[in-house]
Amino acid sequence: MPTVLERAIAGFTARSSKRNAAIDGARIASLAESIDAVIAGLIAERTGLIRRVKRLLDEPETLAKWSSASNVQPSKSELKRVENRLRSLDLQLSECRHIEGAIANLRGLTGGTGRAAGV
């Protein structure tokens, strides 16, 4: 008479490769969606910050309005903070691009090709 362990082993079946592929694909798609959202946010913030600074510096009437409303010109320290923020955003974007590469590698390891539909 077979033992409990022998019966359990005899009845064991692994998941199908299609199910494994679907689970892996969904997991990788979730990672890709997340990093895409982070990258979009970084780009939007960077673009908006650059646009605001350019408008302030390139349009004398905008600078005049800002100066008369606040009685102050943008200080060097304020511009330095903008420069530091842009540098930080660029570094974050660069790291996120590395993560995108890792996600592509995961797709390759799991047999996936390209992006999943809707991602």
N, C-alpha and C. Protein backbone atom coordinates (compact mmCIF):
# COMPACT_ATOMS: atom_id res chain seq x y z
N MET A 1 0.85 -1.17 0.00
CA MET A 1 0.00 0.00 0.00
C MET A 1 0.90 1.25 0.00
N PRO A 2 0.60 2.23 -0.92
CA PRO A 2 1.44 3.43 -1.01
C PRO A 2 1.28 4.34 0.20
N THR A 3 2.36 4.99 0.57
CA THR A 3 2.31 5.93 1.68
C THR A 3 1.65 7.23 1.20
N VAL A 4 1.36 8.10 2.16
CA VAL A 4 0.76 9.39 1.84
C VAL A 4 1.67 10.18 0.90
N LEU A 5 2.95 10.14 1.20
CA LEU A 5 3.90 10.85 0.36
C LEU A 5 3.92 10.28 -1.05
N GLU A 6 3.92 9.00 -1.17
CA GLU A 6 3.93 8.38 -2.50
C GLU A 6 2.67 8.73 -3.28
N ARG A 7 1.52 8.76 -2.59
CA ARG A 7 0.27 9.14 -3.27
C ARG A 7 0.32 10.62 -3.70
N ALA A 8 0.90 11.46 -2.84
CA ALA A 8 1.00 12.88 -3.18
C ALA A 8 1.91 13.09 -4.39
N ILE A 9 3.01 12.38 -4.40
CA ILE A 9 3.94 12.49 -5.52
C ILE A 9 3.29 11.96 -6.79
N ALA A 10 2.59 10.86 -6.69
CA ALA A 10 1.95 10.27 -7.86
C ALA A 10 0.88 11.20 -8.43
N GLY A 11 0.22 11.98 -7.60
CA GLY A 11 -0.83 12.87 -8.06
C GLY A 11 -0.37 14.27 -8.42
N PHE A 12 0.92 14.53 -8.27
CA PHE A 12 1.44 15.88 -8.51
C PHE A 12 1.54 16.17 -10.00
N THR A 13 1.08 17.33 -10.39
CA THR A 13 1.29 17.81 -11.76
C THR A 13 1.73 19.27 -11.69
N ALA A 14 2.70 19.61 -12.48
CA ALA A 14 3.20 20.99 -12.53
C ALA A 14 2.25 21.82 -13.39
N ARG A 15 2.31 23.13 -13.19
CA ARG A 15 1.52 24.02 -14.03
C ARG A 15 1.95 23.87 -15.48
N SER A 16 1.03 24.16 -16.37
CA SER A 16 1.37 24.10 -17.79
C SER A 16 2.31 25.24 -18.14
N SER A 17 3.08 25.03 -19.20
CA SER A 17 4.01 26.09 -19.63
C SER A 17 3.23 27.32 -20.10
N LYS A 18 2.04 27.13 -20.64
CA LYS A 18 1.22 28.28 -21.05
C LYS A 18 0.81 29.11 -19.85
N ARG A 19 0.44 28.45 -18.77
CA ARG A 19 0.05 29.17 -17.56
C ARG A 19 1.26 29.90 -16.96
N ASN A 20 2.41 29.22 -16.93
CA ASN A 20 3.64 29.88 -16.45
C ASN A 20 3.95 31.11 -17.28
N ALA A 21 3.85 30.98 -18.60
CA ALA A 21 4.14 32.11 -19.50
C ALA A 21 3.16 33.25 -19.25
N ALA A 22 1.90 32.93 -19.02
CA ALA A 22 0.90 33.98 -18.76
C ALA A 22 1.20 34.70 -17.45
N ILE A 23 1.57 33.95 -16.43
CA ILE A 23 1.88 34.56 -15.13
C ILE A 23 3.13 35.42 -15.24
N ASP A 24 4.17 34.89 -15.89
CA ASP A 24 5.40 35.66 -16.08
C ASP A 24 5.11 36.92 -16.89
N GLY A 25 4.34 36.79 -17.94
CA GLY A 25 4.01 37.95 -18.79
C GLY A 25 3.26 39.02 -18.03
N ALA A 26 2.31 38.61 -17.21
CA ALA A 26 1.55 39.58 -16.42
C ALA A 26 2.45 40.29 -15.40
N ARG A 27 3.34 39.56 -14.80
CA ARG A 27 4.26 40.14 -13.81
C ARG A 27 5.18 41.17 -14.48
N ILE A 28 5.71 40.81 -15.64
CA ILE A 28 6.61 41.71 -16.36
C ILE A 28 5.85 42.92 -16.89
N ALA A 29 4.62 42.71 -17.35
CA ALA A 29 3.80 43.83 -17.83
C ALA A 29 3.54 44.82 -16.70
N SER A 30 3.32 44.32 -15.51
CA SER A 30 3.10 45.19 -14.35
C SER A 30 4.35 46.04 -14.07
N LEU A 31 5.51 45.43 -14.15
CA LEU A 31 6.76 46.17 -13.97
C LEU A 31 6.90 47.25 -15.05
N ALA A 32 6.63 46.86 -16.28
CA ALA A 32 6.77 47.80 -17.40
C ALA A 32 5.81 48.98 -17.25
N GLU A 33 4.59 48.70 -16.86
CA GLU A 33 3.61 49.78 -16.67
C GLU A 33 4.07 50.74 -15.57
N SER A 34 4.60 50.18 -14.50
CA SER A 34 5.07 51.02 -13.39
C SER A 34 6.23 51.91 -13.81
N ILE A 35 7.22 51.34 -14.46
CA ILE A 35 8.38 52.15 -14.84
C ILE A 35 8.00 53.16 -15.91
N ASP A 36 7.06 52.79 -16.80
CA ASP A 36 6.60 53.75 -17.81
C ASP A 36 5.93 54.95 -17.15
N ALA A 37 5.15 54.70 -16.11
CA ALA A 37 4.48 55.80 -15.40
C ALA A 37 5.51 56.69 -14.70
N VAL A 38 6.52 56.09 -14.11
CA VAL A 38 7.57 56.87 -13.44
C VAL A 38 8.32 57.72 -14.46
N ILE A 39 8.68 57.13 -15.58
CA ILE A 39 9.41 57.86 -16.62
C ILE A 39 8.56 59.01 -17.15
N ALA A 40 7.29 58.76 -17.40
CA ALA A 40 6.40 59.83 -17.89
C ALA A 40 6.33 60.98 -16.88
N GLY A 41 6.26 60.66 -15.61
CA GLY A 41 6.23 61.69 -14.58
C GLY A 41 7.52 62.49 -14.52
N LEU A 42 8.64 61.81 -14.63
CA LEU A 42 9.94 62.51 -14.62
C LEU A 42 10.06 63.44 -15.82
N ILE A 43 9.68 62.95 -16.98
CA ILE A 43 9.77 63.77 -18.20
C ILE A 43 8.83 64.97 -18.10
N ALA A 44 7.63 64.75 -17.61
CA ALA A 44 6.67 65.86 -17.49
C ALA A 44 7.19 66.92 -16.52
N GLU A 45 7.73 66.50 -15.39
CA GLU A 45 8.25 67.47 -14.43
C GLU A 45 9.42 68.24 -15.02
N ARG A 46 10.32 67.54 -15.67
CA ARG A 46 11.50 68.17 -16.26
C ARG A 46 11.09 69.16 -17.35
N THR A 47 10.20 68.74 -18.23
CA THR A 47 9.74 69.60 -19.32
C THR A 47 9.05 70.84 -18.78
N GLY A 48 8.19 70.67 -17.79
CA GLY A 48 7.49 71.80 -17.20
C GLY A 48 8.43 72.78 -16.52
N LEU A 49 9.41 72.27 -15.81
CA LEU A 49 10.37 73.13 -15.11
C LEU A 49 11.19 73.93 -16.12
N ILE A 50 11.66 73.27 -17.16
CA ILE A 50 12.44 73.95 -18.20
C ILE A 50 11.59 75.02 -18.89
N ARG A 51 10.36 74.67 -19.21
CA ARG A 51 9.47 75.63 -19.87
C ARG A 51 9.24 76.87 -19.01
N ARG A 52 9.01 76.67 -17.72
CA ARG A 52 8.77 77.81 -16.82
C ARG A 52 10.00 78.71 -16.71
N VAL A 53 11.16 78.11 -16.58
CA VAL A 53 12.39 78.90 -16.46
C VAL A 53 12.67 79.65 -17.76
N LYS A 54 12.51 78.96 -18.90
CA LYS A 54 12.74 79.63 -20.18
C LYS A 54 11.78 80.80 -20.37
N ARG A 55 10.52 80.57 -20.04
CA ARG A 55 9.54 81.65 -20.18
C ARG A 55 9.90 82.83 -19.29
N LEU A 56 10.35 82.54 -18.10
CA LEU A 56 10.73 83.60 -17.17
C LEU A 56 11.93 84.39 -17.70
N LEU A 57 12.91 83.68 -18.24
CA LEU A 57 14.14 84.34 -18.67
C LEU A 57 14.06 84.90 -20.09
N ASP A 58 13.28 84.25 -20.97
CA ASP A 58 13.24 84.66 -22.37
C ASP A 58 12.18 85.71 -22.68
N GLU A 59 11.20 85.85 -21.82
CA GLU A 59 10.12 86.80 -22.09
C GLU A 59 10.22 87.94 -21.08
N PRO A 60 10.72 89.08 -21.52
CA PRO A 60 10.93 90.20 -20.59
C PRO A 60 9.65 90.62 -19.88
N GLU A 61 8.51 90.54 -20.56
CA GLU A 61 7.27 90.95 -19.89
C GLU A 61 6.90 89.99 -18.76
N THR A 62 7.18 88.72 -18.92
CA THR A 62 6.91 87.75 -17.86
C THR A 62 7.83 88.04 -16.67
N LEU A 63 9.09 88.28 -16.95
CA LEU A 63 10.04 88.59 -15.88
C LEU A 63 9.65 89.89 -15.18
N ALA A 64 9.22 90.88 -15.97
CA ALA A 64 8.81 92.17 -15.37
C ALA A 64 7.59 91.98 -14.47
N LYS A 65 6.60 91.18 -14.92
CA LYS A 65 5.41 90.92 -14.10
C LYS A 65 5.81 90.22 -12.81
N TRP A 66 6.66 89.22 -12.94
CA TRP A 66 7.09 88.46 -11.77
C TRP A 66 7.85 89.35 -10.81
N SER A 67 8.74 90.18 -11.37
CA SER A 67 9.55 91.06 -10.53
C SER A 67 8.71 92.10 -9.82
N SER A 68 7.73 92.69 -10.53
CA SER A 68 6.91 93.73 -9.90
C SER A 68 5.97 93.13 -8.86
N ALA A 69 5.53 91.91 -9.07
CA ALA A 69 4.63 91.27 -8.11
C ALA A 69 5.37 90.90 -6.84
N SER A 70 6.62 90.49 -6.99
CA SER A 70 7.36 90.04 -5.82
C SER A 70 8.44 91.02 -5.38
N ASN A 71 8.65 92.05 -6.20
CA ASN A 71 9.71 93.03 -5.92
C ASN A 71 11.09 92.38 -5.83
N VAL A 72 11.25 91.24 -6.47
CA VAL A 72 12.52 90.53 -6.41
C VAL A 72 12.78 89.87 -7.76
N GLN A 73 14.01 89.84 -8.16
CA GLN A 73 14.44 89.07 -9.33
C GLN A 73 14.72 87.63 -8.87
N PRO A 74 14.63 86.66 -9.80
CA PRO A 74 15.02 85.30 -9.39
C PRO A 74 16.47 85.31 -8.91
N SER A 75 16.69 84.77 -7.77
CA SER A 75 18.03 84.80 -7.19
C SER A 75 18.90 83.70 -7.78
N LYS A 76 20.21 83.86 -7.59
CA LYS A 76 21.13 82.83 -8.03
C LYS A 76 20.86 81.52 -7.30
N SER A 77 20.51 81.63 -6.03
CA SER A 77 20.24 80.40 -5.27
C SER A 77 18.99 79.70 -5.79
N GLU A 78 17.99 80.48 -6.22
CA GLU A 78 16.78 79.88 -6.78
C GLU A 78 17.11 79.17 -8.10
N LEU A 79 17.89 79.81 -8.92
CA LEU A 79 18.29 79.19 -10.18
C LEU A 79 19.17 77.97 -9.93
N LYS A 80 19.98 78.02 -8.89
CA LYS A 80 20.82 76.87 -8.54
C LYS A 80 19.94 75.69 -8.10
N ARG A 81 18.87 75.99 -7.35
CA ARG A 81 17.94 74.92 -6.95
C ARG A 81 17.28 74.29 -8.17
N VAL A 82 16.94 75.11 -9.15
CA VAL A 82 16.36 74.58 -10.39
C VAL A 82 17.39 73.68 -11.09
N GLU A 83 18.62 74.15 -11.16
CA GLU A 83 19.68 73.36 -11.79
C GLU A 83 19.87 72.03 -11.07
N ASN A 84 19.88 72.05 -9.75
CA ASN A 84 20.03 70.82 -8.96
C ASN A 84 18.85 69.88 -9.19
N ARG A 85 17.65 70.45 -9.26
CA ARG A 85 16.47 69.60 -9.48
C ARG A 85 16.53 68.95 -10.86
N LEU A 86 16.94 69.71 -11.87
CA LEU A 86 17.05 69.14 -13.21
C LEU A 86 18.10 68.03 -13.24
N ARG A 87 19.21 68.24 -12.54
CA ARG A 87 20.24 67.20 -12.46
C ARG A 87 19.68 65.94 -11.78
N SER A 88 18.93 66.13 -10.72
CA SER A 88 18.33 64.99 -10.01
C SER A 88 17.34 64.25 -10.91
N LEU A 89 16.51 64.99 -11.63
CA LEU A 89 15.55 64.36 -12.54
C LEU A 89 16.27 63.57 -13.63
N ASP A 90 17.35 64.14 -14.17
CA ASP A 90 18.13 63.44 -15.20
C ASP A 90 18.73 62.15 -14.67
N LEU A 91 19.25 62.19 -13.44
CA LEU A 91 19.82 60.97 -12.84
C LEU A 91 18.74 59.91 -12.62
N GLN A 92 17.58 60.33 -12.14
CA GLN A 92 16.48 59.39 -11.94
C GLN A 92 16.05 58.79 -13.27
N LEU A 93 15.96 59.63 -14.29
CA LEU A 93 15.56 59.15 -15.62
C LEU A 93 16.57 58.14 -16.15
N SER A 94 17.84 58.41 -15.95
CA SER A 94 18.88 57.49 -16.39
C SER A 94 18.74 56.13 -15.70
N GLU A 95 18.51 56.15 -14.40
CA GLU A 95 18.34 54.89 -13.67
C GLU A 95 17.10 54.13 -14.14
N CYS A 96 16.05 54.88 -14.43
CA CYS A 96 14.82 54.24 -14.92
C CYS A 96 15.05 53.59 -16.28
N ARG A 97 15.88 54.20 -17.11
CA ARG A 97 16.21 53.61 -18.41
C ARG A 97 16.96 52.29 -18.22
N HIS A 98 17.79 52.22 -17.19
CA HIS A 98 18.46 50.95 -16.87
C HIS A 98 17.43 49.89 -16.46
N ILE A 99 16.46 50.31 -15.70
CA ILE A 99 15.40 49.38 -15.29
C ILE A 99 14.62 48.89 -16.50
N GLU A 100 14.37 49.79 -17.45
CA GLU A 100 13.71 49.37 -18.70
C GLU A 100 14.51 48.25 -19.38
N GLY A 101 15.83 48.40 -19.39
CA GLY A 101 16.69 47.36 -19.97
C GLY A 101 16.57 46.05 -19.22
N ALA A 102 16.49 46.13 -17.90
CA ALA A 102 16.33 44.91 -17.09
C ALA A 102 14.99 44.25 -17.39
N ILE A 103 13.97 45.05 -17.60
CA ILE A 103 12.65 44.49 -17.94
C ILE A 103 12.71 43.78 -19.29
N ALA A 104 13.42 44.38 -20.24
CA ALA A 104 13.60 43.74 -21.55
C ALA A 104 14.34 42.41 -21.40
N ASN A 105 15.34 42.39 -20.52
CA ASN A 105 16.06 41.14 -20.26
C ASN A 105 15.14 40.09 -19.65
N LEU A 106 14.27 40.50 -18.74
CA LEU A 106 13.31 39.56 -18.16
C LEU A 106 12.42 38.96 -19.23
N ARG A 107 11.97 39.81 -20.14
CA ARG A 107 11.13 39.31 -21.23
C ARG A 107 11.87 38.24 -22.02
N GLY A 108 13.15 38.51 -22.28
CA GLY A 108 13.95 37.54 -23.02
C GLY A 108 14.14 36.24 -22.26
N LEU A 109 14.33 36.34 -20.96
CA LEU A 109 14.52 35.14 -20.14
C LEU A 109 13.27 34.28 -20.08
N THR A 110 12.12 34.92 -20.15
CA THR A 110 10.86 34.18 -20.04
C THR A 110 10.26 33.86 -21.40
N GLY A 111 11.01 34.18 -22.45
CA GLY A 111 10.52 33.85 -23.79
C GLY A 111 9.58 34.87 -24.36
N GLY A 112 9.39 35.98 -23.65
CA GLY A 112 8.50 37.02 -24.15
C GLY A 112 9.17 37.82 -25.24
N THR A 113 8.35 38.40 -26.09
CA THR A 113 8.89 39.25 -27.14
C THR A 113 8.15 40.56 -27.10
N GLY A 114 8.90 41.64 -27.02
CA GLY A 114 8.28 42.97 -27.06
C GLY A 114 7.36 43.19 -25.88
N ARG A 115 6.49 44.16 -26.04
CA ARG A 115 5.57 44.54 -24.98
C ARG A 115 4.27 43.75 -25.13
N ALA A 116 3.67 43.47 -24.00
CA ALA A 116 2.36 42.81 -24.02
C ALA A 116 1.33 43.79 -24.52
N ALA A 117 0.24 43.29 -25.04
CA ALA A 117 -0.84 44.14 -25.54
C ALA A 117 -1.33 45.06 -24.44
N GLY A 118 -1.49 46.33 -24.78
CA GLY A 118 -2.00 47.29 -23.81
C GLY A 118 -0.95 47.82 -22.87
N VAL A 119 0.29 47.46 -23.08
CA VAL A 119 1.35 47.93 -22.18
C VAL A 119 2.28 48.83 -22.93
